[in-house]
Protein backbone atom coordinates (compact mmCIF):
# COMPACT_ATOMS: atom_id res chain seq x y z
CA MET A 1 -5.10 4.11 -7.94
CA LYS A 2 -6.78 0.90 -8.86
CA SER A 3 -3.98 -1.64 -9.10
CA TRP A 4 -1.26 -2.67 -6.67
CA LYS A 5 1.28 -1.41 -9.23
CA GLU A 6 -0.30 2.06 -9.22
CA ILE A 7 -0.29 2.08 -5.42
CA GLU A 8 3.35 0.98 -5.33
CA ASP A 9 4.32 3.67 -7.84
CA ARG A 10 2.48 6.33 -5.83
CA ARG A 11 4.10 5.13 -2.60
CA ALA A 12 7.55 5.49 -4.14
CA GLN A 13 6.67 8.90 -5.54
CA VAL A 14 5.56 10.13 -2.10
CA GLY A 15 8.73 8.71 -0.54
CA LEU A 16 7.10 6.40 1.98
CA SER A 17 8.59 2.99 2.65
CA ARG A 18 6.35 0.01 2.00
CA ALA A 19 6.66 -1.01 5.64
CA GLU A 20 5.56 2.42 6.87
CA MET A 21 2.69 2.61 4.39
CA CYS A 22 1.44 -0.78 5.55
CA ARG A 23 1.86 0.12 9.22
CA ARG A 24 -0.15 3.31 8.79
CA ALA A 25 -2.84 1.51 6.77
CA GLY A 26 -3.06 -1.45 9.12
CA ILE A 27 -2.30 -4.05 6.47
CA SER A 28 0.53 -6.55 6.22
CA GLU A 29 3.46 -6.10 3.86
CA SER A 30 2.79 -9.59 2.56
CA THR A 31 -0.62 -8.40 1.34
CA VAL A 32 1.06 -5.77 -0.83
CA PHE A 33 3.82 -8.14 -1.94
CA LYS A 34 1.34 -10.83 -2.96
CA GLY A 35 -0.81 -8.28 -4.74
CA LEU A 36 2.18 -7.06 -6.74
CA GLN A 37 3.21 -10.61 -7.62
CA ARG A 38 -0.28 -11.43 -8.86
CA THR A 39 -0.72 -8.05 -10.54
CA GLY A 40 -4.09 -7.98 -8.87
CA THR A 41 -6.40 -5.32 -7.58
CA PRO A 42 -6.92 -4.53 -3.90
CA SER A 43 -10.40 -4.39 -2.47
CA PRO A 44 -12.17 -1.01 -2.59
CA SER A 45 -11.79 -0.55 1.17
CA VAL A 46 -8.03 -1.24 1.05
CA ARG A 47 -7.68 1.15 -1.90
CA ARG A 48 -9.46 3.90 0.06
CA ILE A 49 -7.30 3.38 3.14
CA LEU A 50 -4.07 3.36 1.13
CA ALA A 51 -5.13 6.45 -0.82
CA MET A 52 -5.76 8.29 2.48
CA VAL A 53 -2.41 7.17 3.91
CA LEU A 54 -0.49 8.24 0.82
CA ARG A 55 -2.33 11.55 0.54
CA ALA A 56 -1.70 12.33 4.22
CA ALA A 57 2.00 11.55 3.81
CA GLU A 58 2.16 13.83 0.78
CA VAL A 59 0.31 16.71 2.45
CA THR A 60 2.13 16.56 5.78
CA GLY A 61 5.51 15.58 4.36
CA GLU A 62 5.76 12.88 7.03
CA THR A 63 7.37 10.10 5.07
CA GLN A 64 9.95 8.86 7.55
CA ASP A 65 9.42 5.61 9.36
CA LYS A 66 8.62 6.29 12.99
CA PRO A 67 10.64 4.39 15.60
CA HIS A 68 8.58 2.28 17.98
CA SER A 69 9.08 1.44 21.59
CA PRO A 70 8.84 -2.23 22.60
CA ALA A 71 5.28 -1.58 23.76
CA GLY A 72 4.37 -0.44 20.25
CA GLU A 73 4.02 3.22 21.14
CA VAL A 74 5.50 5.77 18.76
CA THR A 75 8.49 7.55 20.24
CA SER A 76 9.35 11.15 19.52
């Protein structure tokens, strides 16, 4: 996955929302949105992080957005 388009396609294939992918990767949704608009390429470190996030979601099957408490802690 080298381009934002490839990442976006993979995210959709795995079934993870863009918001959840960004939350898990620690990047803003606007970063992805801007990258898609510019048809650019993310930095190598961002590509690695996103690849790990998407692979983990695929392997574990955890693709649902997790609800958060007001304090930012994940609720069960």
